[in-house]
């Protein structure tokens, strides 16, 4: 029996959480902690034993698009601390490989690789871990933000391109690719490539994405590289 697909916390009307003391803390730190404490997704993630509130973003994308199929092979890029990997293991239950530059604690049902995707050895290591290819490639990778919007958009666009170059060499026909971008970013070249090589391409912002965040996800389904058939986009 498949587990229930619960994609987010229930409504917590009027939920207010306050710091017991803000003494000695910087204003920015206090605001971040206040937001965390009053965020129902953070609370629900802790209750369910999920490693990050970001897990709900993948759940909601999966609920909408049906990305994770039982028994599917999944590659999670930029996986640490492991929230998306936990969802992939639960919902797909096949082979799940999680990759990140940062060490992460083991997740039952997943293979965790400490790997720089830009390293020359990365393709060979991924081929060894996934010799039969993958059905889904997930990328929630994001750069450390500088506060300079144009720079941050360039950085995340570069990460998205790197994620797709990685995915392109591993995806099986009909496969799916999901990648984080920023609104107003310089991802037009990537979008055009996805439209050429996938049957369906969509922009999506899960409910669990914070309203003030400029993040979006590109969801590309039906991998058919070099087919030259135009895809539908939205």
Protein backbone atom coordinates (compact mmCIF):
# COMPACT_ATOMS: atom_id res chain seq x y z
CA UNK A 1 0.00 0.00 0.00
CA UNK A 2 1.39 3.39 -0.95
CA UNK A 3 1.77 5.93 1.86
CA UNK A 4 -0.75 8.78 1.96
CA UNK A 5 0.32 11.81 -0.06
CA UNK A 6 0.24 14.53 2.52
CA UNK A 7 1.68 17.63 0.94
CA UNK A 8 1.57 20.18 3.70
CA UNK A 9 0.51 21.13 7.19
CA UNK A 10 -3.09 21.77 8.04
CA UNK A 11 -4.25 25.32 8.58
CA UNK A 12 -2.96 26.75 11.79
CA UNK A 13 -5.06 29.87 12.00
CA UNK A 14 -3.66 32.54 14.19
CA UNK A 15 -0.49 30.60 14.91
CA UNK A 16 1.91 32.95 16.70
CA UNK A 17 5.28 32.00 18.03
CA UNK A 18 7.55 34.45 19.74
CA UNK A 19 11.11 34.33 20.88
CA UNK A 20 11.35 34.13 24.63
CA UNK A 21 14.14 36.63 24.47
CA UNK A 22 15.82 38.63 21.74
CA UNK A 23 18.55 39.95 23.99
CA UNK A 24 21.96 39.88 22.40
CA UNK A 25 20.69 38.90 18.94
CA UNK A 26 21.07 40.91 15.76
CA UNK A 27 17.87 42.20 14.16
CA UNK A 28 18.25 39.99 11.09
CA UNK A 29 18.79 36.91 13.27
CA UNK A 30 15.72 37.69 15.36
CA UNK A 31 13.58 38.11 12.25
CA UNK A 32 14.81 34.78 10.81
CA UNK A 33 14.14 32.93 14.07
CA UNK A 34 10.72 34.55 14.43
CA UNK A 35 9.82 33.48 10.90
CA UNK A 36 11.01 29.94 11.55
CA UNK A 37 9.06 29.65 14.79
CA UNK A 38 5.85 30.95 13.23
CA UNK A 39 6.16 28.90 10.02
CA UNK A 40 3.67 26.04 10.05
CA UNK A 41 5.73 24.13 7.48
CA UNK A 42 8.75 24.19 9.78
CA UNK A 43 6.60 22.93 12.63
CA UNK A 44 5.06 20.18 10.54
CA UNK A 45 8.44 19.12 9.11
CA UNK A 46 9.75 18.63 12.63
CA UNK A 47 6.64 16.69 13.62
CA UNK A 48 7.05 14.30 10.69
CA UNK A 49 10.79 13.89 11.09
CA UNK A 50 11.56 15.65 7.81
CA UNK A 51 14.94 17.32 7.51
CA UNK A 52 13.66 20.55 6.01
CA UNK A 53 10.48 22.44 5.23
CA UNK A 54 11.57 22.22 1.56
CA UNK A 55 10.27 18.65 1.56
CA UNK A 56 6.75 20.06 1.24
CA UNK A 57 7.71 21.85 -1.99
CA UNK A 58 8.55 18.54 -3.64
CA UNK A 59 5.42 16.91 -2.24
CA UNK A 60 3.30 19.66 -3.74
CA UNK A 61 5.06 19.50 -7.09
CA UNK A 62 4.59 15.74 -7.11
CA UNK A 63 0.91 16.03 -6.19
CA UNK A 64 0.41 18.43 -9.08
CA UNK A 65 2.48 16.74 -11.79
CA UNK A 66 2.80 13.09 -10.71
CA UNK A 67 6.59 13.14 -10.88
CA UNK A 68 7.59 10.28 -8.59
CA UNK A 69 6.44 6.87 -9.78
CA UNK A 70 6.64 3.74 -7.60
CA UNK A 71 9.90 1.92 -8.29
CA UNK A 72 11.41 4.89 -10.14
CA UNK A 73 15.10 5.76 -10.17
CA UNK A 74 15.71 9.26 -8.79
CA UNK A 75 18.77 11.51 -8.68
CA UNK A 76 18.58 14.39 -6.18
CA UNK A 77 21.14 17.15 -6.83
CA UNK A 78 22.03 19.59 -4.09
CA UNK A 79 20.33 17.23 -1.69
CA UNK A 80 21.60 18.33 1.74
CA UNK A 81 20.17 18.28 4.34
CA UNK A 82 17.97 15.63 2.71
CA UNK A 83 14.34 16.75 2.77
CA UNK A 84 13.75 16.10 -0.92
CA UNK A 85 15.62 12.80 -0.71
CA UNK A 86 13.30 11.64 2.09
CA UNK A 87 10.28 12.41 -0.08
CA UNK A 88 11.81 10.60 -3.08
CA UNK A 89 12.50 7.49 -0.99
CA UNK A 90 8.96 7.49 0.41
CA UNK A 91 7.12 8.18 -2.82
CA UNK A 92 9.26 6.43 -5.43
CA UNK A 93 10.85 3.74 -3.32
CA UNK A 94 13.21 2.60 -6.06
CA UNK A 95 16.85 3.62 -6.40
CA UNK A 96 17.49 7.08 -4.96
CA UNK A 97 20.89 8.75 -5.20
CA UNK A 98 21.48 12.02 -3.35
CA UNK A 99 24.40 14.29 -4.29
CA UNK A 100 25.80 17.34 -2.54
CA UNK A 101 29.01 19.26 -1.92
CA UNK A 102 28.26 19.13 1.79
CA UNK A 103 28.26 15.93 3.87
CA UNK A 104 24.81 14.77 4.91
CA UNK A 105 23.67 12.17 7.39
CA UNK A 106 22.65 8.84 5.81
CA UNK A 107 19.03 8.39 4.73
CA UNK A 108 17.64 4.84 4.76
CA UNK A 109 16.81 3.82 1.20
CA UNK A 110 19.16 6.33 -0.46
CA UNK A 111 22.78 6.39 -1.58
CA UNK A 112 24.43 9.66 -0.55
CA UNK A 113 27.41 10.90 -2.58
CA UNK A 114 29.76 13.71 -1.58
CA UNK A 115 30.39 15.15 -5.02
CA UNK A 116 31.08 18.39 -6.88
CA UNK A 117 29.09 18.27 -10.13
CA UNK A 118 31.64 20.55 -11.74
CA UNK A 119 34.49 18.14 -11.08
CA UNK A 120 35.86 16.18 -14.04
CA UNK A 121 35.27 12.92 -12.20
CA UNK A 122 31.57 13.60 -11.57
CA UNK A 123 30.10 11.96 -14.73
CA UNK A 124 32.01 8.72 -14.18
CA UNK A 125 30.99 8.54 -10.52
CA UNK A 126 27.35 9.14 -11.38
CA UNK A 127 27.46 6.55 -14.19
CA UNK A 128 28.85 4.03 -11.71
CA UNK A 129 26.09 4.78 -9.19
CA UNK A 130 23.34 4.84 -11.84
CA UNK A 131 24.43 2.44 -14.61
CA UNK A 132 20.92 2.07 -16.04
CA UNK A 133 20.05 5.76 -16.06
CA UNK A 134 17.37 7.63 -14.13
CA UNK A 135 13.68 8.41 -14.40
CA UNK A 136 13.72 11.68 -12.47
CA UNK A 137 16.40 14.29 -11.78
CA UNK A 138 15.63 16.79 -9.02
CA UNK A 139 17.62 19.96 -8.41
CA UNK A 140 16.88 22.32 -5.55
CA UNK A 141 20.39 23.75 -5.77
CA UNK A 142 20.80 27.42 -5.00
CA UNK A 143 23.88 29.61 -4.58
CA UNK A 144 24.76 31.56 -1.50
CA UNK A 145 22.98 34.83 -2.13
CA UNK A 146 24.96 38.05 -2.28
CA UNK A 147 22.05 40.46 -1.97
CA UNK A 148 22.84 41.71 -5.47
CA UNK A 149 19.88 40.52 -7.54
CA UNK A 150 21.62 40.39 -10.92
CA UNK A 151 24.56 38.43 -9.53
CA UNK A 152 22.30 35.97 -7.70
CA UNK A 153 20.26 35.36 -10.85
CA UNK A 154 23.39 34.65 -12.86
CA UNK A 155 24.63 32.24 -10.22
CA UNK A 156 21.42 30.24 -10.00
CA UNK A 157 21.13 30.17 -13.79
CA UNK A 158 24.63 28.67 -13.95
CA UNK A 159 23.66 26.02 -11.37
CA UNK A 160 20.51 25.19 -13.32
CA UNK A 161 22.57 24.72 -16.50
CA UNK A 162 24.99 22.47 -14.62
CA UNK A 163 22.09 20.44 -13.24
CA UNK A 164 20.67 19.93 -16.71
CA UNK A 165 24.01 18.95 -18.22
CA UNK A 166 24.21 16.32 -15.50
CA UNK A 167 20.62 15.19 -16.02
CA UNK A 168 20.88 15.05 -19.79
CA UNK A 169 23.52 12.35 -19.69
CA UNK A 170 21.50 10.15 -17.34
CA UNK A 171 17.80 10.59 -18.11
CA UNK A 172 15.94 7.71 -19.69
CA UNK A 173 13.48 8.39 -22.54
CA UNK A 174 10.32 9.84 -21.01
CA UNK A 175 12.21 11.07 -17.96
CA UNK A 176 11.54 14.14 -15.84
CA UNK A 177 13.73 17.08 -14.79
CA UNK A 178 12.89 19.61 -12.05
CA UNK A 179 15.16 22.57 -11.33
CA UNK A 180 15.03 25.72 -9.21
CA UNK A 181 15.35 29.13 -10.88
CA UNK A 182 14.66 32.74 -9.85
CA UNK A 183 11.89 34.89 -11.28
CA UNK A 184 13.30 37.36 -13.78
CA UNK A 185 16.46 35.31 -14.05
CA UNK A 186 18.69 34.62 -17.02
CA UNK A 187 17.43 31.09 -17.68
CA UNK A 188 16.03 31.69 -21.16
CA UNK A 189 18.62 29.53 -22.94
CA UNK A 190 17.90 26.63 -20.60
CA UNK A 191 14.15 27.06 -21.06
CA UNK A 192 14.54 26.92 -24.84
CA UNK A 193 16.59 23.73 -24.59
CA UNK A 194 14.01 22.10 -22.35
CA UNK A 195 11.23 23.02 -24.75
CA UNK A 196 13.12 21.26 -27.53
CA UNK A 197 13.98 18.14 -25.57
CA UNK A 198 10.88 17.48 -23.46
CA UNK A 199 7.24 17.00 -24.34
CA UNK A 200 5.96 19.28 -21.57
CA UNK A 201 7.59 22.21 -19.75
CA UNK A 202 5.93 24.20 -16.98
CA UNK A 203 6.81 26.91 -14.47
CA UNK A 204 5.57 26.18 -10.95
CA UNK A 205 5.74 27.82 -7.52
CA UNK A 206 4.65 25.44 -4.75
CA UNK A 207 2.50 26.79 -1.96
CA UNK A 208 5.31 25.93 0.47
CA UNK A 209 7.63 28.44 -1.22
CA UNK A 210 7.70 31.55 0.89
CA UNK A 211 5.69 34.37 -0.65
CA UNK A 212 8.61 36.77 -0.50
CA UNK A 213 10.90 34.31 -2.28
CA UNK A 214 11.59 34.78 -5.99
CA UNK A 215 12.16 31.06 -6.50
CA UNK A 216 10.33 29.13 -9.20
CA UNK A 217 10.73 25.61 -10.51
CA UNK A 218 10.97 24.46 -14.09
CA UNK A 219 9.23 21.10 -14.49
CA UNK A 220 10.14 19.29 -17.72
CA UNK A 221 8.46 15.96 -18.48
CA UNK A 222 8.78 13.46 -21.30
CA UNK A 223 12.49 13.57 -22.16
CA UNK A 224 13.08 13.12 -25.88
CA UNK A 225 16.50 14.62 -26.63
CA UNK A 226 17.29 15.57 -30.20
CA UNK A 227 13.75 14.81 -31.37
CA UNK A 228 13.31 18.35 -32.66
CA UNK A 229 9.62 18.28 -31.73
CA UNK A 230 8.39 21.48 -30.11
CA UNK A 231 7.03 21.09 -26.60
CA UNK A 232 4.14 22.80 -24.88
CA UNK A 233 5.11 25.36 -22.27
CA UNK A 234 3.43 27.54 -19.74
